[in-house]
Amino acid sequence: MKSLEDLKKMREEALKKVDMRDNDKDYRVVVGMATCGIAAGARPVLNRLVEEAAKNNYSCIVTQTGCIGLCVYEPIVEIFDRDGNKTTYIHVDPDKAAIILRRHIGLGERVEEYTIDSVK
């Protein structure tokens, strides 16, 4: 942060994130942001999810959590629907994150090829 403008920009971004948490949404998108997730690239994934959700007005909140316990599959994104059903997406990069949001949240279909269920 080098100026007052930088501080104002950070404040606006934080308020947008808080606003997303306060709304009644259909999905909760959770990104594993423990040390292993961050080292594997979870921060750009989280940023892309927040950007895409806001840009496309998806009915979801995007949040982060600590260790999910599956370090070998990081970055991990979990999506919970209103009924508590969970889908776990693995090895997510920013481009996959955008696809996951478009298909899972936007169209209501799981992206099977990116799920932990696809591991054999």
PDB file of N, CA and C in Angstrom:
ATOM      1  N   MET A   1       0.852  -1.163   0.000  1.00  0.00           N
ATOM      2  CA  MET A   1       0.000   0.000   0.000  1.00  0.00           C
ATOM      3  C   MET A   1       0.898   1.227   0.000  1.00  0.00           C
ATOM      4  N   LYS A   2       0.678   2.078  -1.000  1.00  0.00           N
ATOM      5  CA  LYS A   2       1.551   3.238  -1.137  1.00  0.00           C
ATOM      6  C   LYS A   2       0.804   4.560  -1.037  1.00  0.00           C
ATOM      7  N   SER A   3      -0.511   4.519  -1.112  1.00  0.00           N
ATOM      8  CA  SER A   3      -1.251   5.781  -1.096  1.00  0.00           C
ATOM      9  C   SER A   3      -2.626   5.583  -0.464  1.00  0.00           C
ATOM     10  N   LEU A   4      -3.298   6.702  -0.274  1.00  0.00           N
ATOM     11  CA  LEU A   4      -4.657   6.669   0.243  1.00  0.00           C
ATOM     12  C   LEU A   4      -5.588   5.971  -0.749  1.00  0.00           C
ATOM     13  N   GLU A   5      -5.320   6.138  -2.026  1.00  0.00           N
ATOM     14  CA  GLU A   5      -6.127   5.482  -3.062  1.00  0.00           C
ATOM     15  C   GLU A   5      -6.023   3.959  -2.957  1.00  0.00           C
ATOM     16  N   ASP A   6      -4.815   3.462  -2.675  1.00  0.00           N
ATOM     17  CA  ASP A   6      -4.628   2.018  -2.490  1.00  0.00           C
ATOM     18  C   ASP A   6      -5.454   1.522  -1.304  1.00  0.00           C
ATOM     19  N   LEU A   7      -5.454   2.287  -0.235  1.00  0.00           N
ATOM     20  CA  LEU A   7      -6.220   1.923   0.952  1.00  0.00           C
ATOM     21  C   LEU A   7      -7.719   1.910   0.643  1.00  0.00           C
ATOM     22  N   LYS A   8      -8.188   2.895  -0.098  1.00  0.00           N
ATOM     23  CA  LYS A   8      -9.605   2.955  -0.468  1.00  0.00           C
ATOM     24  C   LYS A   8      -9.986   1.757  -1.349  1.00  0.00           C
ATOM     25  N   LYS A   9      -9.108   1.400  -2.262  1.00  0.00           N
ATOM     26  CA  LYS A   9      -9.372   0.249  -3.129  1.00  0.00           C
ATOM     27  C   LYS A   9      -9.460  -1.028  -2.309  1.00  0.00           C
ATOM     28  N   MET A  10      -8.547  -1.207  -1.349  1.00  0.00           N
ATOM     29  CA  MET A  10      -8.573  -2.383  -0.487  1.00  0.00           C
ATOM     30  C   MET A  10      -9.878  -2.426   0.314  1.00  0.00           C
ATOM     31  N   ARG A  11     -10.318  -1.274   0.793  1.00  0.00           N
ATOM     32  CA  ARG A  11     -11.562  -1.202   1.568  1.00  0.00           C
ATOM     33  C   ARG A  11     -12.754  -1.610   0.708  1.00  0.00           C
ATOM     34  N   GLU A  12     -12.820  -1.103  -0.514  1.00  0.00           N
ATOM     35  CA  GLU A  12     -13.926  -1.437  -1.418  1.00  0.00           C
ATOM     36  C   GLU A  12     -13.961  -2.933  -1.716  1.00  0.00           C
ATOM     37  N   GLU A  13     -12.801  -3.530  -1.947  1.00  0.00           N
ATOM     38  CA  GLU A  13     -12.737  -4.964  -2.225  1.00  0.00           C
ATOM     39  C   GLU A  13     -13.189  -5.772  -1.010  1.00  0.00           C
ATOM     40  N   ALA A  14     -12.788  -5.352   0.175  1.00  0.00           N
ATOM     41  CA  ALA A  14     -13.197  -6.054   1.395  1.00  0.00           C
ATOM     42  C   ALA A  14     -14.702  -5.940   1.606  1.00  0.00           C
ATOM     43  N   LEU A  15     -15.269  -4.775   1.339  1.00  0.00           N
ATOM     44  CA  LEU A  15     -16.707  -4.596   1.483  1.00  0.00           C
ATOM     45  C   LEU A  15     -17.489  -5.456   0.509  1.00  0.00           C
ATOM     46  N   LYS A  16     -16.969  -5.633  -0.696  1.00  0.00           N
ATOM     47  CA  LYS A  16     -17.630  -6.507  -1.674  1.00  0.00           C
ATOM     48  C   LYS A  16     -17.662  -7.936  -1.167  1.00  0.00           C
ATOM     49  N   LYS A  17     -16.559  -8.394  -0.590  1.00  0.00           N
ATOM     50  CA  LYS A  17     -16.497  -9.759  -0.064  1.00  0.00           C
ATOM     51  C   LYS A  17     -17.470  -9.947   1.094  1.00  0.00           C
ATOM     52  N   VAL A  18     -17.544  -8.975   1.989  1.00  0.00           N
ATOM     53  CA  VAL A  18     -18.462  -9.054   3.119  1.00  0.00           C
ATOM     54  C   VAL A  18     -19.896  -9.051   2.614  1.00  0.00           C
ATOM     55  N   ASP A  19     -20.194  -8.226   1.625  1.00  0.00           N
ATOM     56  CA  ASP A  19     -21.536  -8.145   1.054  1.00  0.00           C
ATOM     57  C   ASP A  19     -21.956  -9.501   0.502  1.00  0.00           C
ATOM     58  N   MET A  20     -21.041 -10.222  -0.132  1.00  0.00           N
ATOM     59  CA  MET A  20     -21.367 -11.533  -0.679  1.00  0.00           C
ATOM     60  C   MET A  20     -21.757 -12.501   0.431  1.00  0.00           C
ATOM     61  N   ARG A  21     -21.171 -12.387   1.613  1.00  0.00           N
ATOM     62  CA  ARG A  21     -21.454 -13.298   2.708  1.00  0.00           C
ATOM     63  C   ARG A  21     -22.816 -13.021   3.348  1.00  0.00           C
ATOM     64  N   ASP A  22     -23.294 -11.783   3.249  1.00  0.00           N
ATOM     65  CA  ASP A  22     -24.520 -11.402   3.921  1.00  0.00           C
ATOM     66  C   ASP A  22     -25.779 -11.766   3.143  1.00  0.00           C
ATOM     67  N   ASN A  23     -25.658 -12.080   1.897  1.00  0.00           N
ATOM     68  CA  ASN A  23     -26.831 -12.353   1.071  1.00  0.00           C
ATOM     69  C   ASN A  23     -27.249 -13.814   1.173  1.00  0.00           C
ATOM     70  N   ASP A  24     -28.537 -14.043   0.899  1.00  0.00           N
ATOM     71  CA  ASP A  24     -29.070 -15.400   0.892  1.00  0.00           C
ATOM     72  C   ASP A  24     -28.792 -16.011  -0.475  1.00  0.00           C
ATOM     73  N   LYS A  25     -27.813 -16.866  -0.546  1.00  0.00           N
ATOM     74  CA  LYS A  25     -27.362 -17.448  -1.815  1.00  0.00           C
ATOM     75  C   LYS A  25     -27.691 -18.933  -1.870  1.00  0.00           C
ATOM     76  N   ASP A  26     -27.665 -19.490  -3.075  1.00  0.00           N
ATOM     77  CA  ASP A  26     -27.971 -20.904  -3.276  1.00  0.00           C
ATOM     78  C   ASP A  26     -26.786 -21.826  -3.010  1.00  0.00           C
ATOM     79  N   TYR A  27     -25.578 -21.303  -3.131  1.00  0.00           N
ATOM     80  CA  TYR A  27     -24.375 -22.124  -2.977  1.00  0.00           C
ATOM     81  C   TYR A  27     -23.350 -21.423  -2.104  1.00  0.00           C
ATOM     82  N   ARG A  28     -22.519 -22.247  -1.445  1.00  0.00           N
ATOM     83  CA  ARG A  28     -21.356 -21.742  -0.710  1.00  0.00           C
ATOM     84  C   ARG A  28     -20.134 -22.386  -1.338  1.00  0.00           C
ATOM     85  N   VAL A  29     -19.215 -21.560  -1.820  1.00  0.00           N
ATOM     86  CA  VAL A  29     -17.990 -22.011  -2.475  1.00  0.00           C
ATOM     87  C   VAL A  29     -16.848 -21.780  -1.491  1.00  0.00           C
ATOM     88  N   VAL A  30     -16.135 -22.847  -1.140  1.00  0.00           N
ATOM     89  CA  VAL A  30     -15.087 -22.787  -0.119  1.00  0.00           C
ATOM     90  C   VAL A  30     -13.754 -23.187  -0.734  1.00  0.00           C
ATOM     91  N   VAL A  31     -12.742 -22.367  -0.517  1.00  0.00           N
ATOM     92  CA  VAL A  31     -11.399 -22.629  -1.033  1.00  0.00           C
ATOM     93  C   VAL A  31     -10.480 -22.956   0.139  1.00  0.00           C
ATOM     94  N   GLY A  32      -9.757 -24.068   0.034  1.00  0.00           N
ATOM     95  CA  GLY A  32      -8.777 -24.434   1.058  1.00  0.00           C
ATOM     96  C   GLY A  32      -7.576 -23.506   0.994  1.00  0.00           C
ATOM     97  N   MET A  33      -7.389 -22.715   2.055  1.00  0.00           N
ATOM     98  CA  MET A  33      -6.327 -21.710   2.069  1.00  0.00           C
ATOM     99  C   MET A  33      -5.331 -21.932   3.203  1.00  0.00           C
ATOM    100  N   ALA A  34      -5.084 -23.194   3.543  1.00  0.00           N
ATOM    101  CA  ALA A  34      -4.007 -23.487   4.489  1.00  0.00           C
ATOM    102  C   ALA A  34      -2.682 -23.344   3.741  1.00  0.00           C
ATOM    103  N   THR A  35      -1.585 -23.545   4.417  1.00  0.00           N
ATOM    104  CA  THR A  35      -0.270 -23.372   3.799  1.00  0.00           C
ATOM    105  C   THR A  35      -0.115 -24.215   2.542  1.00  0.00           C
ATOM    106  N   CYS A  36      -0.592 -25.460   2.597  1.00  0.00           N
ATOM    107  CA  CYS A  36      -0.447 -26.333   1.424  1.00  0.00           C
ATOM    108  C   CYS A  36      -1.272 -25.812   0.248  1.00  0.00           C
ATOM    109  N   GLY A  37      -2.468 -25.319   0.505  1.00  0.00           N
ATOM    110  CA  GLY A  37      -3.306 -24.767  -0.555  1.00  0.00           C
ATOM    111  C   GLY A  37      -2.699 -23.519  -1.170  1.00  0.00           C
ATOM    112  N   ILE A  38      -2.219 -22.638  -0.329  1.00  0.00           N
ATOM    113  CA  ILE A  38      -1.602 -21.406  -0.822  1.00  0.00           C
ATOM    114  C   ILE A  38      -0.361 -21.734  -1.648  1.00  0.00           C
ATOM    115  N   ALA A  39       0.453 -22.664  -1.158  1.00  0.00           N
ATOM    116  CA  ALA A  39       1.665 -23.050  -1.888  1.00  0.00           C
ATOM    117  C   ALA A  39       1.331 -23.668  -3.243  1.00  0.00           C
ATOM    118  N   ALA A  40       0.181 -24.332  -3.335  1.00  0.00           N
ATOM    119  CA  ALA A  40      -0.220 -24.982  -4.581  1.00  0.00           C
ATOM    120  C   ALA A  40      -0.933 -24.033  -5.547  1.00  0.00           C
ATOM    121  N   GLY A  41      -1.239 -22.803  -5.083  1.00  0.00           N
ATOM    122  CA  GLY A  41      -1.862 -21.823  -5.975  1.00  0.00           C
ATOM    123  C   GLY A  41      -3.297 -21.461  -5.655  1.00  0.00           C
ATOM    124  N   ALA A  42      -3.722 -21.644  -4.423  1.00  0.00           N
ATOM    125  CA  ALA A  42      -5.113 -21.368  -4.057  1.00  0.00           C
ATOM    126  C   ALA A  42      -5.467 -19.884  -4.072  1.00  0.00           C
ATOM    127  N   ARG A  43      -4.509 -19.003  -3.829  1.00  0.00           N
ATOM    128  CA  ARG A  43      -4.842 -17.572  -3.778  1.00  0.00           C
ATOM    129  C   ARG A  43      -5.368 -17.060  -5.119  1.00  0.00           C
ATOM    130  N   PRO A  44      -4.711 -17.335  -6.254  1.00  0.00           N
ATOM    131  CA  PRO A  44      -5.273 -16.899  -7.532  1.00  0.00           C
ATOM    132  C   PRO A  44      -6.613 -17.564  -7.848  1.00  0.00           C
ATOM    133  N   VAL A  45      -6.811 -18.786  -7.357  1.00  0.00           N
ATOM    134  CA  VAL A  45      -8.090 -19.476  -7.544  1.00  0.00           C
ATOM    135  C   VAL A  45      -9.187 -18.732  -6.775  1.00  0.00           C
ATOM    136  N   LEU A  46      -8.920 -18.404  -5.519  1.00  0.00           N
ATOM    137  CA  LEU A  46      -9.877 -17.652  -4.707  1.00  0.00           C
ATOM    138  C   LEU A  46     -10.210 -16.321  -5.371  1.00  0.00           C
ATOM    139  N   ASN A  47      -9.186 -15.615  -5.814  1.00  0.00           N
ATOM    140  CA  ASN A  47      -9.414 -14.316  -6.463  1.00  0.00           C
ATOM    141  C   ASN A  47     -10.285 -14.453  -7.702  1.00  0.00           C
ATOM    142  N   ARG A  48     -10.025 -15.466  -8.510  1.00  0.00           N
ATOM    143  CA  ARG A  48     -10.806 -15.669  -9.737  1.00  0.00           C
ATOM    144  C   ARG A  48     -12.253 -16.024  -9.412  1.00  0.00           C
ATOM    145  N   LEU A  49     -12.452 -16.846  -8.391  1.00  0.00           N
ATOM    146  CA  LEU A  49     -13.807 -17.205  -7.981  1.00  0.00           C
ATOM    147  C   LEU A  49     -14.593 -15.977  -7.540  1.00  0.00           C
ATOM    148  N   VAL A  50     -13.968 -15.127  -6.748  1.00  0.00           N
ATOM    149  CA  VAL A  50     -14.634 -13.909  -6.273  1.00  0.00           C
ATOM    150  C   VAL A  50     -14.979 -13.004  -7.456  1.00  0.00           C
ATOM    151  N   GLU A  51     -14.027 -12.826  -8.364  1.00  0.00           N
ATOM    152  CA  GLU A  51     -14.249 -11.974  -9.537  1.00  0.00           C
ATOM    153  C   GLU A  51     -15.380 -12.508 -10.412  1.00  0.00           C
ATOM    154  N   GLU A  52     -15.332 -13.796 -10.726  1.00  0.00           N
ATOM    155  CA  GLU A  52     -16.337 -14.396 -11.609  1.00  0.00           C
ATOM    156  C   GLU A  52     -17.726 -14.399 -10.973  1.00  0.00           C
ATOM    157  N   ALA A  53     -17.781 -14.674  -9.679  1.00  0.00           N
ATOM    158  CA  ALA A  53     -19.075 -14.692  -8.991  1.00  0.00           C
ATOM    159  C   ALA A  53     -19.716 -13.309  -9.022  1.00  0.00           C
ATOM    160  N   ALA A  54     -18.911 -12.289  -8.790  1.00  0.00           N
ATOM    161  CA  ALA A  54     -19.442 -10.924  -8.807  1.00  0.00           C
ATOM    162  C   ALA A  54     -19.803 -10.488 -10.226  1.00  0.00           C
ATOM    163  N   LYS A  55     -18.935 -10.770 -11.177  1.00  0.00           N
ATOM    164  CA  LYS A  55     -19.140 -10.342 -12.568  1.00  0.00           C
ATOM    165  C   LYS A  55     -20.393 -10.971 -13.167  1.00  0.00           C
ATOM    166  N   ASN A  56     -20.636 -12.231 -12.842  1.00  0.00           N
ATOM    167  CA  ASN A  56     -21.752 -12.961 -13.439  1.00  0.00           C
ATOM    168  C   ASN A  56     -22.984 -13.042 -12.541  1.00  0.00           C
ATOM    169  N   ASN A  57     -22.894 -12.397 -11.392  1.00  0.00           N
ATOM    170  CA  ASN A  57     -24.015 -12.362 -10.447  1.00  0.00           C
ATOM    171  C   ASN A  57     -24.507 -13.771 -10.085  1.00  0.00           C
ATOM    172  N   TYR A  58     -23.567 -14.673  -9.842  1.00  0.00           N
ATOM    173  CA  TYR A  58     -23.921 -16.033  -9.454  1.00  0.00           C
ATOM    174  C   TYR A  58     -24.494 -16.028  -8.037  1.00  0.00           C
ATOM    175  N   SER A  59     -25.416 -16.935  -7.783  1.00  0.00           N
ATOM    176  CA  SER A  59     -26.055 -17.044  -6.481  1.00  0.00           C
ATOM    177  C   SER A  59     -25.191 -17.892  -5.550  1.00  0.00           C
ATOM    178  N   CYS A  60     -24.056 -17.328  -5.158  1.00  0.00           N
ATOM    179  CA  CYS A  60     -23.148 -18.052  -4.275  1.00  0.00           C
ATOM    180  C   CYS A  60     -22.356 -17.076  -3.425  1.00  0.00           C
ATOM    181  N   ILE A  61     -21.874 -17.587  -2.318  1.00  0.00           N
ATOM    182  CA  ILE A  61     -20.891 -16.856  -1.538  1.00  0.00           C
ATOM    183  C   ILE A  61     -19.572 -17.590  -1.716  1.00  0.00           C
ATOM    184  N   VAL A  62     -18.495 -16.847  -1.753  1.00  0.00           N
ATOM    185  CA  VAL A  62     -17.162 -17.431  -1.882  1.00  0.00           C
ATOM    186  C   VAL A  62     -16.425 -17.125  -0.592  1.00  0.00           C
ATOM    187  N   THR A  63     -15.904 -18.168   0.017  1.00  0.00           N
ATOM    188  CA  THR A  63     -15.209 -17.998   1.280  1.00  0.00           C
ATOM    189  C   THR A  63     -13.985 -18.911   1.313  1.00  0.00           C
ATOM    190  N   GLN A  64     -13.226 -18.812   2.362  1.00  0.00           N
ATOM    191  CA  GLN A  64     -12.030 -19.647   2.489  1.00  0.00           C
ATOM    192  C   GLN A  64     -12.066 -20.395   3.802  1.00  0.00           C
ATOM    193  N   THR A  65     -11.288 -21.459   3.846  1.00  0.00           N
ATOM    194  CA  THR A  65     -11.160 -22.255   5.060  1.00  0.00           C
ATOM    195  C   THR A  65      -9.700 -22.646   5.225  1.00  0.00           C
ATOM    196  N   GLY A  66      -9.402 -23.296   6.305  1.00  0.00           N
ATOM    197  CA  GLY A  66      -8.055 -23.785   6.542  1.00  0.00           C
ATOM    198  C   GLY A  66      -7.845 -25.124   5.866  1.00  0.00           C
ATOM    199  N   CYS A  67      -7.173 -25.993   6.526  1.00  0.00           N
ATOM    200  CA  CYS A  67      -6.811 -27.291   5.962  1.00  0.00           C
ATOM    201  C   CYS A  67      -8.038 -28.163   5.720  1.00  0.00           C
ATOM    202  N   ILE A  68      -8.126 -28.704   4.513  1.00  0.00           N
ATOM    203  CA  ILE A  68      -9.207 -29.630   4.170  1.00  0.00           C
ATOM    204  C   ILE A  68      -8.740 -31.069   4.394  1.00  0.00           C
ATOM    205  N   GLY A  69      -7.433 -31.277   4.443  1.00  0.00           N
ATOM    206  CA  GLY A  69      -6.885 -32.589   4.775  1.00  0.00           C
ATOM    207  C   GLY A  69      -6.503 -33.448   3.589  1.00  0.00           C
ATOM    208  N   LEU A  70      -6.492 -32.874   2.413  1.00  0.00           N
ATOM    209  CA  LEU A  70      -6.156 -33.624   1.203  1.00  0.00           C
ATOM    210  C   LEU A  70      -5.062 -32.886   0.420  1.00  0.00           C
ATOM    211  N   CYS A  71      -3.948 -32.664   1.069  1.00  0.00           N
ATOM    212  CA  CYS A  71      -2.893 -31.811   0.510  1.00  0.00           C
ATOM    213  C   CYS A  71      -2.464 -32.189  -0.908  1.00  0.00           C
ATOM    214  N   VAL A  72      -2.449 -33.468  -1.200  1.00  0.00           N
ATOM    215  CA  VAL A  72      -1.986 -33.924  -2.501  1.00  0.00           C
ATOM    216  C   VAL A  72      -2.902 -33.437  -3.631  1.00  0.00           C
ATOM    217  N   TYR A  73      -4.128 -33.038  -3.311  1.00  0.00           N
ATOM    218  CA  TYR A  73      -5.101 -32.606  -4.321  1.00  0.00           C
ATOM    219  C   TYR A  73      -5.261 -31.083  -4.406  1.00  0.00           C
ATOM    220  N   GLU A  74      -4.481 -30.332  -3.659  1.00  0.00           N
ATOM    221  CA  GLU A  74      -4.596 -28.866  -3.657  1.00  0.00           C
ATOM    222  C   GLU A  74      -4.242 -28.281  -5.026  1.00  0.00           C
ATOM    223  N   PRO A  75      -4.783 -27.135  -5.319  1.00  0.00           N
ATOM    224  CA  PRO A  75      -5.836 -26.376  -4.655  1.00  0.00           C
ATOM    225  C   PRO A  75      -7.193 -27.085  -4.734  1.00  0.00           C
ATOM    226  N   ILE A  76      -7.921 -27.006  -3.624  1.00  0.00           N
ATOM    227  CA  ILE A  76      -9.225 -27.656  -3.510  1.00  0.00           C
ATOM    228  C   ILE A  76     -10.313 -26.604  -3.372  1.00  0.00           C
ATOM    229  N   VAL A  77     -11.421 -26.831  -4.089  1.00  0.00           N
ATOM    230  CA  VAL A  77     -12.604 -25.988  -3.978  1.00  0.00           C
ATOM    231  C   VAL A  77     -13.778 -26.907  -3.671  1.00  0.00           C
ATOM    232  N   GLU A  78     -14.504 -26.592  -2.607  1.00  0.00           N
ATOM    233  CA  GLU A  78     -15.695 -27.354  -2.263  1.00  0.00           C
ATOM    234  C   GLU A  78     -16.920 -26.473  -2.470  1.00  0.00           C
ATOM    235  N   ILE A  79     -17.962 -27.068  -3.050  1.00  0.00           N
ATOM    236  CA  ILE A  79     -19.212 -26.341  -3.262  1.00  0.00           C
ATOM    237  C   ILE A  79     -20.314 -27.064  -2.510  1.00  0.00           C
ATOM    238  N   PHE A  80     -21.018 -26.311  -1.664  1.00  0.00           N
ATOM    239  CA  PHE A  80     -22.128 -26.822  -0.884  1.00  0.00           C
ATOM    240  C   PHE A  80     -23.414 -26.193  -1.408  1.00  0.00           C
ATOM    241  N   ASP A  81     -24.452 -27.025  -1.621  1.00  0.00           N
ATOM    242  CA  ASP A  81     -25.736 -26.462  -2.023  1.00  0.00           C
ATOM    243  C   ASP A  81     -26.594 -26.235  -0.781  1.00  0.00           C
ATOM    244  N   ARG A  82     -27.809 -25.745  -0.982  1.00  0.00           N
ATOM    245  CA  ARG A  82     -28.693 -25.438   0.151  1.00  0.00           C
ATOM    246  C   ARG A  82     -29.017 -26.655   0.999  1.00  0.00           C
ATOM    247  N   ASP A  83     -28.993 -27.836   0.393  1.00  0.00           N
ATOM    248  CA  ASP A  83     -29.309 -29.057   1.125  1.00  0.00           C
ATOM    249  C   ASP A  83     -28.095 -29.645   1.838  1.00  0.00           C
ATOM    250  N   GLY A  84     -26.949 -28.995   1.718  1.00  0.00           N
ATOM    251  CA  GLY A  84     -25.734 -29.478   2.372  1.00  0.00           C
ATOM    252  C   GLY A  84     -24.935 -30.475   1.549  1.00  0.00           C
ATOM    253  N   ASN A  85     -25.366 -30.740   0.319  1.00  0.00           N
ATOM    254  CA  ASN A  85     -24.599 -31.633  -0.548  1.00  0.00           C
ATOM    255  C   ASN A  85     -23.292 -30.960  -0.927  1.00  0.00           C
ATOM    256  N   LYS A  86     -22.220 -31.744  -0.892  1.00  0.00           N
ATOM    257  CA  LYS A  86     -20.887 -31.190  -1.154  1.00  0.00           C
ATOM    258  C   LYS A  86     -20.291 -31.830  -2.396  1.00  0.00           C
ATOM    259  N   THR A  87     -19.675 -30.980  -3.216  1.00  0.00           N
ATOM    260  CA  THR A  87     -18.873 -31.442  -4.341  1.00  0.00           C
ATOM    261  C   THR A  87     -17.463 -30.926  -4.116  1.00  0.00           C
ATOM    262  N   THR A  88     -16.474 -31.816  -4.210  1.00  0.00           N
ATOM    263  CA  THR A  88     -15.079 -31.440  -3.999  1.00  0.00           C
ATOM    264  C   THR A  88     -14.354 -31.445  -5.335  1.00  0.00           C
ATOM    265  N   TYR A  89     -13.838 -30.268  -5.702  1.00  0.00           N
ATOM    266  CA  TYR A  89     -13.054 -30.117  -6.927  1.00  0.00           C
ATOM    267  C   TYR A  89     -11.579 -30.053  -6.556  1.00  0.00           C
ATOM    268  N   ILE A  90     -10.744 -30.744  -7.336  1.00  0.00           N
ATOM    269  CA  ILE A  90      -9.319 -30.845  -7.005  1.00  0.00           C
ATOM    270  C   ILE A  90      -8.450 -30.308  -8.129  1.00  0.00           C
ATOM    271  N   HIS A  91      -7.206 -29.991  -7.765  1.00  0.00           N
ATOM    272  CA  HIS A  91      -6.219 -29.456  -8.703  1.00  0.00           C
ATOM    273  C   HIS A  91      -6.810 -28.291  -9.499  1.00  0.00           C
ATOM    274  N   VAL A  92      -7.470 -27.390  -8.798  1.00  0.00           N
ATOM    275  CA  VAL A  92      -8.154 -26.273  -9.440  1.00  0.00           C
ATOM    276  C   VAL A  92      -7.156 -25.155  -9.720  1.00  0.00           C
ATOM    277  N   ASP A  93      -7.201 -24.634 -10.935  1.00  0.00           N
ATOM    278  CA  ASP A  93      -6.435 -23.435 -11.279  1.00  0.00           C
ATOM    279  C   ASP A  93      -7.458 -22.340 -11.606  1.00  0.00           C
ATOM    280  N   PRO A  94      -7.017 -21.109 -11.831  1.00  0.00           N
ATOM    281  CA  PRO A  94      -7.987 -20.038 -12.077  1.00  0.00           C
ATOM    282  C   PRO A  94      -8.921 -20.294 -13.262  1.00  0.00           C
ATOM    283  N   ASP A  95      -8.424 -20.885 -14.339  1.00  0.00           N
ATOM    284  CA  ASP A  95      -9.293 -21.163 -15.488  1.00  0.00           C
ATOM    285  C   ASP A  95     -10.333 -22.234 -15.156  1.00  0.00           C
ATOM    286  N   LYS A  96      -9.898 -23.285 -14.456  1.00  0.00           N
ATOM    287  CA  LYS A  96     -10.847 -24.312 -14.032  1.00  0.00           C
ATOM    288  C   LYS A  96     -11.881 -23.720 -13.074  1.00  0.00           C
ATOM    289  N   ALA A  97     -11.442 -22.799 -12.226  1.00  0.00           N
ATOM    290  CA  ALA A  97     -12.358 -22.166 -11.273  1.00  0.00           C
ATOM    291  C   ALA A  97     -13.497 -21.456 -12.008  1.00  0.00           C
ATOM    292  N   ALA A  98     -13.170 -20.745 -13.079  1.00  0.00           N
ATOM    293  CA  ALA A  98     -14.198 -20.047 -13.858  1.00  0.00           C
ATOM    294  C   ALA A  98     -15.151 -21.036 -14.508  1.00  0.00           C
ATOM    295  N   ILE A  99     -14.618 -22.140 -15.016  1.00  0.00           N
ATOM    296  CA  ILE A  99     -15.455 -23.176 -15.634  1.00  0.00           C
ATOM    297  C   ILE A  99     -16.371 -23.812 -14.585  1.00  0.00           C
ATOM    298  N   ILE A 100     -15.821 -24.099 -13.422  1.00  0.00           N
ATOM    299  CA  ILE A 100     -16.607 -24.699 -12.343  1.00  0.00           C
ATOM    300  C   ILE A 100     -17.769 -23.789 -11.964  1.00  0.00           C
ATOM    301  N   LEU A 101     -17.510 -22.506 -11.798  1.00  0.00           N
ATOM    302  CA  LEU A 101     -18.596 -21.592 -11.443  1.00  0.00           C
ATOM    303  C   LEU A 101     -19.651 -21.533 -12.533  1.00  0.00           C
ATOM    304  N   ARG A 102     -19.212 -21.413 -13.775  1.00  0.00           N
ATOM    305  CA  ARG A 102     -20.169 -21.299 -14.887  1.00  0.00           C
ATOM    306  C   ARG A 102     -21.055 -22.528 -14.970  1.00  0.00           C
ATOM    307  N   ARG A 103     -20.435 -23.697 -14.887  1.00  0.00           N
ATOM    308  CA  ARG A 103     -21.210 -24.925 -15.059  1.00  0.00           C
ATOM    309  C   ARG A 103     -21.961 -25.340 -13.791  1.00  0.00           C
ATOM    310  N   HIS A 104     -21.271 -25.321 -12.643  1.00  0.00           N
ATOM    311  CA  HIS A 104     -21.904 -25.811 -11.415  1.00  0.00           C
ATOM    312  C   HIS A 104     -22.911 -24.801 -10.870  1.00  0.00           C
ATOM    313  N   ILE A 105     -22.511 -23.555 -10.733  1.00  0.00           N
ATOM    314  CA  ILE A 105     -23.394 -22.537 -10.163  1.00  0.00           C
ATOM    315  C   ILE A 105     -24.341 -21.982 -11.226  1.00  0.00           C
ATOM    316  N   GLY A 106     -23.790 -21.646 -12.385  1.00  0.00           N
ATOM    317  CA  GLY A 106     -24.596 -21.039 -13.442  1.00  0.00           C
ATOM    318  C   GLY A 106     -25.585 -21.993 -14.086  1.00  0.00           C
ATOM    319  N   LEU A 107     -25.131 -23.217 -14.374  1.00  0.00           N
ATOM    320  CA  LEU A 107     -25.971 -24.179 -15.094  1.00  0.00           C
ATOM    321  C   LEU A 107     -26.515 -25.304 -14.211  1.00  0.00           C
ATOM    322  N   GLY A 108     -25.996 -25.413 -12.987  1.00  0.00           N
ATOM    323  CA  GLY A 108     -26.480 -26.434 -12.070  1.00  0.00           C
ATOM    324  C   GLY A 108     -25.987 -27.838 -12.352  1.00  0.00           C
ATOM    325  N   GLU A 109     -24.831 -27.954 -13.014  1.00  0.00           N
ATOM    326  CA  GLU A 109     -24.294 -29.287 -13.313  1.00  0.00           C
ATOM    327  C   GLU A 109     -22.893 -29.436 -12.726  1.00  0.00           C
ATOM    328  N   ARG A 110     -22.637 -30.590 -12.133  1.00  0.00           N
ATOM    329  CA  ARG A 110     -21.297 -30.861 -11.603  1.00  0.00           C
ATOM    330  C   ARG A 110     -20.321 -31.000 -12.761  1.00  0.00           C
ATOM    331  N   VAL A 111     -19.103 -30.559 -12.544  1.00  0.00           N
ATOM    332  CA  VAL A 111     -18.045 -30.714 -13.542  1.00  0.00           C
ATOM    333  C   VAL A 111     -17.279 -31.968 -13.148  1.00  0.00           C
ATOM    334  N   GLU A 112     -17.814 -33.095 -13.528  1.00  0.00           N
ATOM    335  CA  GLU A 112     -17.328 -34.402 -13.055  1.00  0.00           C
ATOM    336  C   GLU A 112     -15.828 -34.608 -13.257  1.00  0.00           C
ATOM    337  N   GLU A 113     -15.290 -34.142 -14.388  1.00  0.00           N
ATOM    338  CA  GLU A 113     -13.881 -34.397 -14.673  1.00  0.00           C
ATOM    339  C   GLU A 113     -12.922 -33.666 -13.740  1.00  0.00           C
ATOM    340  N   TYR A 114     -13.414 -32.694 -12.957  1.00  0.00           N
ATOM    341  CA  TYR A 114     -12.564 -31.965 -12.020  1.00  0.00           C
ATOM    342  C   TYR A 114     -12.805 -32.400 -10.568  1.00  0.00           C
ATOM    343  N   THR A 115     -13.706 -33.336 -10.331  1.00  0.00           N
ATOM    344  CA  THR A 115     -14.031 -33.716  -8.963  1.00  0.00           C
ATOM    345  C   THR A 115     -13.068 -34.760  -8.411  1.00  0.00           C
ATOM    346  N   ILE A 116     -13.087 -34.879  -7.108  1.00  0.00           N
ATOM    347  CA  ILE A 116     -12.256 -35.902  -6.463  1.00  0.00           C
ATOM    348  C   ILE A 116     -12.750 -37.294  -6.859  1.00  0.00           C
ATOM    349  N   ASP A 117     -14.017 -37.398  -7.240  1.00  0.00           N
ATOM    350  CA  ASP A 117     -14.571 -38.684  -7.680  1.00  0.00           C
ATOM    351  C   ASP A 117     -13.936 -39.187  -8.959  1.00  0.00           C
ATOM    352  N   SER A 118     -13.303 -38.291  -9.710  1.00  0.00           N
ATOM    353  CA  SER A 118     -12.688 -38.687 -10.997  1.00  0.00           C
ATOM    354  C   SER A 118     -11.332 -39.373 -10.792  1.00  0.00           C
ATOM    355  N   VAL A 119     -10.792 -39.331  -9.577  1.00  0.00           N
ATOM    356  CA  VAL A 119      -9.503 -39.956  -9.278  1.00  0.00           C
ATOM    357  C   VAL A 119      -9.712 -41.460  -9.166  1.00  0.00           C
ATOM    358  N   LYS A 120      -8.892 -42.186  -9.843  1.00  0.00           N
ATOM    359  CA  LYS A 120      -9.028 -43.646  -9.831  1.00  0.00           C
ATOM    360  C   LYS A 120      -7.856 -44.277  -9.148  1.00  0.00           C
TER     361      LYS A 120
END
